[in-house]
Amino acid sequence: MATASVKNSFVPDLEAATERARETNDRLTEVGRKVTTAYLDGIEKYAQSFADFERKLGKQSNVEAVAGMLDTHAQLTEEVVKAGVSAARELITA
């Protein structure tokens, strides 16, 4: 009888261990989502500042073709980044 109680004290509680692992996984997933969201916000801000810089350069240019090219490239940059970031945001919320 004494051996049975000693033997049972060494058997781990698998349900409790599974629940702790699940909770830890959930916390890590949430932290990962927050970090990824912050990263995507940073990418958006960087792309926007880059596009703003291109537009500013275009306005200062005396050549209409160069100004148009810079404005078009700025718009393309914004749209590509917007699409990529939007797709990434959908993936992290899934």
PDB file of N, CA and C in Angstrom:
ATOM      1  N   MET A   1       0.813  -1.184   0.000  1.00  0.00           N
ATOM      2  CA  MET A   1       0.000   0.000   0.000  1.00  0.00           C
ATOM      3  C   MET A   1       0.868   1.265   0.000  1.00  0.00           C
ATOM      4  N   ALA A   2       1.904   1.294   0.807  1.00  0.00           N
ATOM      5  CA  ALA A   2       2.779   2.451   0.886  1.00  0.00           C
ATOM      6  C   ALA A   2       3.479   2.684  -0.452  1.00  0.00           C
ATOM      7  N   THR A   3       3.801   1.600  -1.125  1.00  0.00           N
ATOM      8  CA  THR A   3       4.453   1.752  -2.430  1.00  0.00           C
ATOM      9  C   THR A   3       3.506   2.351  -3.460  1.00  0.00           C
ATOM     10  N   ALA A   4       2.227   2.074  -3.389  1.00  0.00           N
ATOM     11  CA  ALA A   4       1.261   2.609  -4.341  1.00  0.00           C
ATOM     12  C   ALA A   4       1.140   4.133  -4.181  1.00  0.00           C
ATOM     13  N   SER A   5       1.131   4.606  -2.939  1.00  0.00           N
ATOM     14  CA  SER A   5       1.023   6.054  -2.750  1.00  0.00           C
ATOM     15  C   SER A   5       2.311   6.755  -3.166  1.00  0.00           C
ATOM     16  N   VAL A   6       3.453   6.144  -2.938  1.00  0.00           N
ATOM     17  CA  VAL A   6       4.719   6.733  -3.371  1.00  0.00           C
ATOM     18  C   VAL A   6       4.784   6.719  -4.893  1.00  0.00           C
ATOM     19  N   LYS A   7       4.340   5.647  -5.504  1.00  0.00           N
ATOM     20  CA  LYS A   7       4.364   5.528  -6.952  1.00  0.00           C
ATOM     21  C   LYS A   7       3.460   6.586  -7.598  1.00  0.00           C
ATOM     22  N   ASN A   8       2.294   6.841  -7.037  1.00  0.00           N
ATOM     23  CA  ASN A   8       1.364   7.829  -7.577  1.00  0.00           C
ATOM     24  C   ASN A   8       1.887   9.252  -7.451  1.00  0.00           C
ATOM     25  N   SER A   9       2.717   9.525  -6.468  1.00  0.00           N
ATOM     26  CA  SER A   9       3.236  10.884  -6.301  1.00  0.00           C
ATOM     27  C   SER A   9       4.243  11.241  -7.390  1.00  0.00           C
ATOM     28  N   PHE A  10       4.789  10.252  -8.063  1.00  0.00           N
ATOM     29  CA  PHE A  10       5.751  10.510  -9.129  1.00  0.00           C
ATOM     30  C   PHE A  10       5.103  10.571 -10.513  1.00  0.00           C
ATOM     31  N   VAL A  11       3.843  10.229 -10.607  1.00  0.00           N
ATOM     32  CA  VAL A  11       3.135  10.286 -11.881  1.00  0.00           C
ATOM     33  C   VAL A  11       2.644  11.719 -12.089  1.00  0.00           C
ATOM     34  N   PRO A  12       3.055  12.354 -13.201  1.00  0.00           N
ATOM     35  CA  PRO A  12       2.644  13.747 -13.428  1.00  0.00           C
ATOM     36  C   PRO A  12       1.165  13.834 -13.769  1.00  0.00           C
ATOM     37  N   ASP A  13       0.600  14.961 -13.437  1.00  0.00           N
ATOM     38  CA  ASP A  13      -0.793  15.228 -13.782  1.00  0.00           C
ATOM     39  C   ASP A  13      -0.812  15.720 -15.231  1.00  0.00           C
ATOM     40  N   LEU A  14      -1.100  14.816 -16.148  1.00  0.00           N
ATOM     41  CA  LEU A  14      -1.030  15.135 -17.573  1.00  0.00           C
ATOM     42  C   LEU A  14      -2.068  16.172 -17.991  1.00  0.00           C
ATOM     43  N   GLU A  15      -3.221  16.149 -17.398  1.00  0.00           N
ATOM     44  CA  GLU A  15      -4.240  17.134 -17.743  1.00  0.00           C
ATOM     45  C   GLU A  15      -3.793  18.545 -17.362  1.00  0.00           C
ATOM     46  N   ALA A  16      -3.223  18.678 -16.181  1.00  0.00           N
ATOM     47  CA  ALA A  16      -2.748  19.992 -15.737  1.00  0.00           C
ATOM     48  C   ALA A  16      -1.573  20.453 -16.609  1.00  0.00           C
ATOM     49  N   ALA A  17      -0.689  19.535 -16.927  1.00  0.00           N
ATOM     50  CA  ALA A  17       0.455  19.889 -17.775  1.00  0.00           C
ATOM     51  C   ALA A  17      -0.014  20.304 -19.166  1.00  0.00           C
ATOM     52  N   THR A  18      -0.995  19.608 -19.685  1.00  0.00           N
ATOM     53  CA  THR A  18      -1.544  19.947 -20.997  1.00  0.00           C
ATOM     54  C   THR A  18      -2.200  21.315 -20.963  1.00  0.00           C
ATOM     55  N   GLU A  19      -2.932  21.613 -19.926  1.00  0.00           N
ATOM     56  CA  GLU A  19      -3.595  22.910 -19.798  1.00  0.00           C
ATOM     57  C   GLU A  19      -2.570  24.040 -19.680  1.00  0.00           C
ATOM     58  N   ARG A  20      -1.510  23.821 -18.898  1.00  0.00           N
ATOM     59  CA  ARG A  20      -0.453  24.841 -18.778  1.00  0.00           C
ATOM     60  C   ARG A  20       0.226  25.065 -20.121  1.00  0.00           C
ATOM     61  N   ALA A  21       0.478  23.986 -20.850  1.00  0.00           N
ATOM     62  CA  ALA A  21       1.100  24.112 -22.172  1.00  0.00           C
ATOM     63  C   ALA A  21       0.181  24.875 -23.122  1.00  0.00           C
ATOM     64  N   ARG A  22      -1.106  24.614 -23.067  1.00  0.00           N
ATOM     65  CA  ARG A  22      -2.073  25.296 -23.920  1.00  0.00           C
ATOM     66  C   ARG A  22      -2.125  26.793 -23.575  1.00  0.00           C
ATOM     67  N   GLU A  23      -2.140  27.116 -22.295  1.00  0.00           N
ATOM     68  CA  GLU A  23      -2.167  28.518 -21.875  1.00  0.00           C
ATOM     69  C   GLU A  23      -0.895  29.244 -22.313  1.00  0.00           C
ATOM     70  N   THR A  24       0.240  28.579 -22.168  1.00  0.00           N
ATOM     71  CA  THR A  24       1.509  29.169 -22.592  1.00  0.00           C
ATOM     72  C   THR A  24       1.505  29.406 -24.097  1.00  0.00           C
ATOM     73  N   ASN A  25       1.015  28.442 -24.832  1.00  0.00           N
ATOM     74  CA  ASN A  25       0.933  28.570 -26.288  1.00  0.00           C
ATOM     75  C   ASN A  25       0.029  29.738 -26.675  1.00  0.00           C
ATOM     76  N   ASP A  26      -1.094  29.877 -26.003  1.00  0.00           N
ATOM     77  CA  ASP A  26      -2.009  30.988 -26.290  1.00  0.00           C
ATOM     78  C   ASP A  26      -1.351  32.341 -26.014  1.00  0.00           C
ATOM     79  N   ARG A  27      -0.618  32.426 -24.901  1.00  0.00           N
ATOM     80  CA  ARG A  27       0.067  33.683 -24.569  1.00  0.00           C
ATOM     81  C   ARG A  27       1.143  34.001 -25.607  1.00  0.00           C
ATOM     82  N   LEU A  28       1.902  32.984 -26.015  1.00  0.00           N
ATOM     83  CA  LEU A  28       2.948  33.205 -27.019  1.00  0.00           C
ATOM     84  C   LEU A  28       2.350  33.607 -28.364  1.00  0.00           C
ATOM     85  N   THR A  29       1.237  33.019 -28.712  1.00  0.00           N
ATOM     86  CA  THR A  29       0.561  33.375 -29.961  1.00  0.00           C
ATOM     87  C   THR A  29       0.106  34.826 -29.921  1.00  0.00           C
ATOM     88  N   GLU A  30      -0.458  35.253 -28.813  1.00  0.00           N
ATOM     89  CA  GLU A  30      -0.935  36.629 -28.684  1.00  0.00           C
ATOM     90  C   GLU A  30       0.239  37.613 -28.733  1.00  0.00           C
ATOM     91  N   VAL A  31       1.321  37.292 -28.066  1.00  0.00           N
ATOM     92  CA  VAL A  31       2.508  38.162 -28.101  1.00  0.00           C
ATOM     93  C   VAL A  31       3.045  38.239 -29.528  1.00  0.00           C
ATOM     94  N   GLY A  32       3.061  37.109 -30.223  1.00  0.00           N
ATOM     95  CA  GLY A  32       3.511  37.095 -31.613  1.00  0.00           C
ATOM     96  C   GLY A  32       2.648  37.968 -32.496  1.00  0.00           C
ATOM     97  N   ARG A  33       1.353  37.939 -32.285  1.00  0.00           N
ATOM     98  CA  ARG A  33       0.445  38.795 -33.059  1.00  0.00           C
ATOM     99  C   ARG A  33       0.709  40.269 -32.786  1.00  0.00           C
ATOM    100  N   LYS A  34       0.927  40.607 -31.520  1.00  0.00           N
ATOM    101  CA  LYS A  34       1.188  42.007 -31.170  1.00  0.00           C
ATOM    102  C   LYS A  34       2.495  42.491 -31.797  1.00  0.00           C
ATOM    103  N   VAL A  35       3.524  41.666 -31.730  1.00  0.00           N
ATOM    104  CA  VAL A  35       4.823  42.039 -32.311  1.00  0.00           C
ATOM    105  C   VAL A  35       4.701  42.189 -33.821  1.00  0.00           C
ATOM    106  N   THR A  36       4.007  41.267 -34.453  1.00  0.00           N
ATOM    107  CA  THR A  36       3.830  41.324 -35.901  1.00  0.00           C
ATOM    108  C   THR A  36       3.023  42.548 -36.299  1.00  0.00           C
ATOM    109  N   THR A  37       2.002  42.872 -35.540  1.00  0.00           N
ATOM    110  CA  THR A  37       1.198  44.066 -35.816  1.00  0.00           C
ATOM    111  C   THR A  37       2.059  45.327 -35.714  1.00  0.00           C
ATOM    112  N   ALA A  38       2.887  45.405 -34.695  1.00  0.00           N
ATOM    113  CA  ALA A  38       3.772  46.560 -34.537  1.00  0.00           C
ATOM    114  C   ALA A  38       4.762  46.643 -35.701  1.00  0.00           C
ATOM    115  N   TYR A  39       5.270  45.503 -36.123  1.00  0.00           N
ATOM    116  CA  TYR A  39       6.201  45.458 -37.254  1.00  0.00           C
ATOM    117  C   TYR A  39       5.513  45.951 -38.530  1.00  0.00           C
ATOM    118  N   LEU A  40       4.306  45.482 -38.771  1.00  0.00           N
ATOM    119  CA  LEU A  40       3.560  45.902 -39.962  1.00  0.00           C
ATOM    120  C   LEU A  40       3.241  47.393 -39.914  1.00  0.00           C
ATOM    121  N   ASP A  41       2.922  47.906 -38.727  1.00  0.00           N
ATOM    122  CA  ASP A  41       2.699  49.349 -38.578  1.00  0.00           C
ATOM    123  C   ASP A  41       3.958  50.122 -38.964  1.00  0.00           C
ATOM    124  N   GLY A  42       5.103  49.614 -38.548  1.00  0.00           N
ATOM    125  CA  GLY A  42       6.371  50.251 -38.878  1.00  0.00           C
ATOM    126  C   GLY A  42       6.646  50.235 -40.374  1.00  0.00           C
ATOM    127  N   ILE A  43       6.330  49.134 -41.024  1.00  0.00           N
ATOM    128  CA  ILE A  43       6.517  49.043 -42.477  1.00  0.00           C
ATOM    129  C   ILE A  43       5.628  50.071 -43.176  1.00  0.00           C
ATOM    130  N   GLU A  44       4.380  50.165 -42.733  1.00  0.00           N
ATOM    131  CA  GLU A  44       3.466  51.143 -43.341  1.00  0.00           C
ATOM    132  C   GLU A  44       3.983  52.571 -43.174  1.00  0.00           C
ATOM    133  N   LYS A  45       4.453  52.895 -41.992  1.00  0.00           N
ATOM    134  CA  LYS A  45       4.955  54.250 -41.741  1.00  0.00           C
ATOM    135  C   LYS A  45       6.197  54.540 -42.589  1.00  0.00           C
ATOM    136  N   TYR A  46       7.085  53.552 -42.684  1.00  0.00           N
ATOM    137  CA  TYR A  46       8.296  53.730 -43.488  1.00  0.00           C
ATOM    138  C   TYR A  46       7.941  53.944 -44.952  1.00  0.00           C
ATOM    139  N   ALA A  47       7.058  53.105 -45.487  1.00  0.00           N
ATOM    140  CA  ALA A  47       6.663  53.227 -46.893  1.00  0.00           C
ATOM    141  C   ALA A  47       5.987  54.570 -47.148  1.00  0.00           C
ATOM    142  N   GLN A  48       5.172  55.008 -46.221  1.00  0.00           N
ATOM    143  CA  GLN A  48       4.491  56.302 -46.379  1.00  0.00           C
ATOM    144  C   GLN A  48       5.500  57.445 -46.387  1.00  0.00           C
ATOM    145  N   SER A  49       6.467  57.400 -45.492  1.00  0.00           N
ATOM    146  CA  SER A  49       7.465  58.480 -45.467  1.00  0.00           C
ATOM    147  C   SER A  49       8.319  58.446 -46.738  1.00  0.00           C
ATOM    148  N   PHE A  50       8.606  57.244 -47.248  1.00  0.00           N
ATOM    149  CA  PHE A  50       9.362  57.128 -48.494  1.00  0.00           C
ATOM    150  C   PHE A  50       8.563  57.716 -49.656  1.00  0.00           C
ATOM    151  N   ALA A  51       7.275  57.392 -49.725  1.00  0.00           N
ATOM    152  CA  ALA A  51       6.416  57.917 -50.788  1.00  0.00           C
ATOM    153  C   ALA A  51       6.289  59.440 -50.674  1.00  0.00           C
ATOM    154  N   ASP A  52       6.158  59.937 -49.463  1.00  0.00           N
ATOM    155  CA  ASP A  52       6.082  61.393 -49.259  1.00  0.00           C
ATOM    156  C   ASP A  52       7.364  62.074 -49.740  1.00  0.00           C
ATOM    157  N   PHE A  53       8.499  61.446 -49.456  1.00  0.00           N
ATOM    158  CA  PHE A  53       9.789  61.985 -49.900  1.00  0.00           C
ATOM    159  C   PHE A  53       9.853  62.015 -51.433  1.00  0.00           C
ATOM    160  N   GLU A  54       9.395  60.935 -52.070  1.00  0.00           N
ATOM    161  CA  GLU A  54       9.403  60.902 -53.535  1.00  0.00           C
ATOM    162  C   GLU A  54       8.509  62.001 -54.114  1.00  0.00           C
ATOM    163  N   ARG A  55       7.364  62.192 -53.529  1.00  0.00           N
ATOM    164  CA  ARG A  55       6.458  63.246 -54.006  1.00  0.00           C
ATOM    165  C   ARG A  55       7.085  64.638 -53.820  1.00  0.00           C
ATOM    166  N   LYS A  56       7.736  64.826 -52.693  1.00  0.00           N
ATOM    167  CA  LYS A  56       8.395  66.106 -52.432  1.00  0.00           C
ATOM    168  C   LYS A  56       9.496  66.351 -53.464  1.00  0.00           C
ATOM    169  N   LEU A  57      10.253  65.320 -53.758  1.00  0.00           N
ATOM    170  CA  LEU A  57      11.307  65.422 -54.772  1.00  0.00           C
ATOM    171  C   LEU A  57      10.711  65.755 -56.134  1.00  0.00           C
ATOM    172  N   GLY A  58       9.594  65.096 -56.445  1.00  0.00           N
ATOM    173  CA  GLY A  58       8.931  65.339 -57.721  1.00  0.00           C
ATOM    174  C   GLY A  58       8.463  66.773 -57.843  1.00  0.00           C
ATOM    175  N   LYS A  59       7.933  67.320 -56.768  1.00  0.00           N
ATOM    176  CA  LYS A  59       7.464  68.716 -56.792  1.00  0.00           C
ATOM    177  C   LYS A  59       8.620  69.691 -56.983  1.00  0.00           C
ATOM    178  N   GLN A  60       9.790  69.335 -56.480  1.00  0.00           N
ATOM    179  CA  GLN A  60      10.954  70.211 -56.604  1.00  0.00           C
ATOM    180  C   GLN A  60      11.631  70.075 -57.959  1.00  0.00           C
ATOM    181  N   SER A  61      11.287  69.040 -58.697  1.00  0.00           N
ATOM    182  CA  SER A  61      11.902  68.815 -60.002  1.00  0.00           C
ATOM    183  C   SER A  61      11.363  69.819 -61.018  1.00  0.00           C
ATOM    184  N   ASN A  62      12.247  70.248 -61.876  1.00  0.00           N
ATOM    185  CA  ASN A  62      11.849  71.173 -62.943  1.00  0.00           C
ATOM    186  C   ASN A  62      11.401  70.416 -64.193  1.00  0.00           C
ATOM    187  N   VAL A  63      11.578  69.116 -64.187  1.00  0.00           N
ATOM    188  CA  VAL A  63      11.228  68.302 -65.352  1.00  0.00           C
ATOM    189  C   VAL A  63       9.915  67.582 -65.053  1.00  0.00           C
ATOM    190  N   GLU A  64       8.913  67.851 -65.878  1.00  0.00           N
ATOM    191  CA  GLU A  64       7.581  67.299 -65.645  1.00  0.00           C
ATOM    192  C   GLU A  64       7.575  65.773 -65.698  1.00  0.00           C
ATOM    193  N   ALA A  65       8.359  65.193 -66.593  1.00  0.00           N
ATOM    194  CA  ALA A  65       8.401  63.730 -66.722  1.00  0.00           C
ATOM    195  C   ALA A  65       8.968  63.089 -65.455  1.00  0.00           C
ATOM    196  N   VAL A  66       9.986  63.703 -64.897  1.00  0.00           N
ATOM    197  CA  VAL A  66      10.580  63.186 -63.660  1.00  0.00           C
ATOM    198  C   VAL A  66       9.591  63.314 -62.516  1.00  0.00           C
ATOM    199  N   ALA A  67       8.912  64.429 -62.441  1.00  0.00           N
ATOM    200  CA  ALA A  67       7.917  64.642 -61.388  1.00  0.00           C
ATOM    201  C   ALA A  67       6.801  63.609 -61.487  1.00  0.00           C
ATOM    202  N   GLY A  68       6.338  63.363 -62.711  1.00  0.00           N
ATOM    203  CA  GLY A  68       5.288  62.371 -62.918  1.00  0.00           C
ATOM    204  C   GLY A  68       5.747  60.966 -62.563  1.00  0.00           C
ATOM    205  N   MET A  69       6.982  60.650 -62.944  1.00  0.00           N
ATOM    206  CA  MET A  69       7.533  59.323 -62.641  1.00  0.00           C
ATOM    207  C   MET A  69       7.654  59.114 -61.124  1.00  0.00           C
ATOM    208  N   LEU A  70       8.138  60.109 -60.417  1.00  0.00           N
ATOM    209  CA  LEU A  70       8.285  59.990 -58.971  1.00  0.00           C
ATOM    210  C   LEU A  70       6.935  59.878 -58.272  1.00  0.00           C
ATOM    211  N   ASP A  71       5.961  60.645 -58.744  1.00  0.00           N
ATOM    212  CA  ASP A  71       4.627  60.563 -58.156  1.00  0.00           C
ATOM    213  C   ASP A  71       4.001  59.192 -58.417  1.00  0.00           C
ATOM    214  N   THR A  72       4.171  58.691 -59.625  1.00  0.00           N
ATOM    215  CA  THR A  72       3.631  57.364 -59.966  1.00  0.00           C
ATOM    216  C   THR A  72       4.312  56.272 -59.144  1.00  0.00           C
ATOM    217  N   HIS A  73       5.618  56.392 -58.993  1.00  0.00           N
ATOM    218  CA  HIS A  73       6.336  55.389 -58.193  1.00  0.00           C
ATOM    219  C   HIS A  73       5.907  55.450 -56.735  1.00  0.00           C
ATOM    220  N   ALA A  74       5.690  56.635 -56.222  1.00  0.00           N
ATOM    221  CA  ALA A  74       5.227  56.784 -54.834  1.00  0.00           C
ATOM    222  C   ALA A  74       3.866  56.128 -54.660  1.00  0.00           C
ATOM    223  N   GLN A  75       2.989  56.340 -55.626  1.00  0.00           N
ATOM    224  CA  GLN A  75       1.654  55.735 -55.570  1.00  0.00           C
ATOM    225  C   GLN A  75       1.754  54.209 -55.652  1.00  0.00           C
ATOM    226  N   LEU A  76       2.611  53.702 -56.536  1.00  0.00           N
ATOM    227  CA  LEU A  76       2.812  52.255 -56.661  1.00  0.00           C
ATOM    228  C   LEU A  76       3.354  51.663 -55.369  1.00  0.00           C
ATOM    229  N   THR A  77       4.317  52.338 -54.778  1.00  0.00           N
ATOM    230  CA  THR A  77       4.888  51.878 -53.513  1.00  0.00           C
ATOM    231  C   THR A  77       3.810  51.783 -52.437  1.00  0.00           C
ATOM    232  N   GLU A  78       2.993  52.805 -52.327  1.00  0.00           N
ATOM    233  CA  GLU A  78       1.919  52.798 -51.327  1.00  0.00           C
ATOM    234  C   GLU A  78       0.948  51.649 -51.558  1.00  0.00           C
ATOM    235  N   GLU A  79       0.559  51.438 -52.797  1.00  0.00           N
ATOM    236  CA  GLU A  79      -0.420  50.389 -53.096  1.00  0.00           C
ATOM    237  C   GLU A  79       0.136  48.989 -52.859  1.00  0.00           C
ATOM    238  N   VAL A  80       1.387  48.766 -53.242  1.00  0.00           N
ATOM    239  CA  VAL A  80       2.004  47.447 -53.039  1.00  0.00           C
ATOM    240  C   VAL A  80       2.162  47.158 -51.554  1.00  0.00           C
ATOM    241  N   VAL A  81       2.641  48.128 -50.804  1.00  0.00           N
ATOM    242  CA  VAL A  81       2.807  47.941 -49.361  1.00  0.00           C
ATOM    243  C   VAL A  81       1.449  47.743 -48.694  1.00  0.00           C
ATOM    244  N   LYS A  82       0.471  48.519 -49.098  1.00  0.00           N
ATOM    245  CA  LYS A  82      -0.874  48.403 -48.531  1.00  0.00           C
ATOM    246  C   LYS A  82      -1.433  46.997 -48.763  1.00  0.00           C
ATOM    247  N   ALA A  83      -1.265  46.473 -49.971  1.00  0.00           N
ATOM    248  CA  ALA A  83      -1.764  45.127 -50.284  1.00  0.00           C
ATOM    249  C   ALA A  83      -1.020  44.061 -49.483  1.00  0.00           C
ATOM    250  N   GLY A  84       0.299  44.187 -49.406  1.00  0.00           N
ATOM    251  CA  GLY A  84       1.092  43.210 -48.661  1.00  0.00           C
ATOM    252  C   GLY A  84       0.786  43.221 -47.169  1.00  0.00           C
ATOM    253  N   VAL A  85       0.693  44.394 -46.613  1.00  0.00           N
ATOM    254  CA  VAL A  85       0.412  44.524 -45.192  1.00  0.00           C
ATOM    255  C   VAL A  85      -1.003  44.033 -44.882  1.00  0.00           C
ATOM    256  N   SER A  86      -1.931  44.341 -45.752  1.00  0.00           N
ATOM    257  CA  SER A  86      -3.302  43.893 -45.560  1.00  0.00           C
ATOM    258  C   SER A  86      -3.367  42.360 -45.564  1.00  0.00           C
ATOM    259  N   ALA A  87      -2.681  41.741 -46.498  1.00  0.00           N
ATOM    260  CA  ALA A  87      -2.660  40.267 -46.553  1.00  0.00           C
ATOM    261  C   ALA A  87      -2.005  39.681 -45.301  1.00  0.00           C
ATOM    262  N   ALA A  88      -0.935  40.297 -44.849  1.00  0.00           N
ATOM    263  CA  ALA A  88      -0.257  39.814 -43.644  1.00  0.00           C
ATOM    264  C   ALA A  88      -1.156  39.969 -42.415  1.00  0.00           C
ATOM    265  N   ARG A  89      -1.873  41.065 -42.328  1.00  0.00           N
ATOM    266  CA  ARG A  89      -2.783  41.272 -41.205  1.00  0.00           C
ATOM    267  C   ARG A  89      -3.893  40.225 -41.189  1.00  0.00           C
ATOM    268  N   GLU A  90      -4.392  39.860 -42.371  1.00  0.00           N
ATOM    269  CA  GLU A  90      -5.408  38.807 -42.432  1.00  0.00           C
ATOM    270  C   GLU A  90      -4.844  37.478 -41.959  1.00  0.00           C
ATOM    271  N   LEU A  91      -3.597  37.199 -42.298  1.00  0.00           N
ATOM    272  CA  LEU A  91      -2.984  35.943 -41.875  1.00  0.00           C
ATOM    273  C   LEU A  91      -2.795  35.867 -40.365  1.00  0.00           C
ATOM    274  N   ILE A  92      -2.410  36.970 -39.748  1.00  0.00           N
ATOM    275  CA  ILE A  92      -2.172  36.901 -38.299  1.00  0.00           C
ATOM    276  C   ILE A  92      -3.448  36.899 -37.489  1.00  0.00           C
ATOM    277  N   THR A  93      -4.561  37.333 -38.097  1.00  0.00           N
ATOM    278  CA  THR A  93      -5.810  37.287 -37.364  1.00  0.00           C
ATOM    279  C   THR A  93      -6.520  35.948 -37.526  1.00  0.00           C
ATOM    280  N   ALA A  94      -6.073  35.151 -38.476  1.00  0.00           N
ATOM    281  CA  ALA A  94      -6.715  33.851 -38.725  1.00  0.00           C
ATOM    282  C   ALA A  94      -6.361  32.829 -37.652  1.00  0.00           C
TER     283      ALA A  94
END
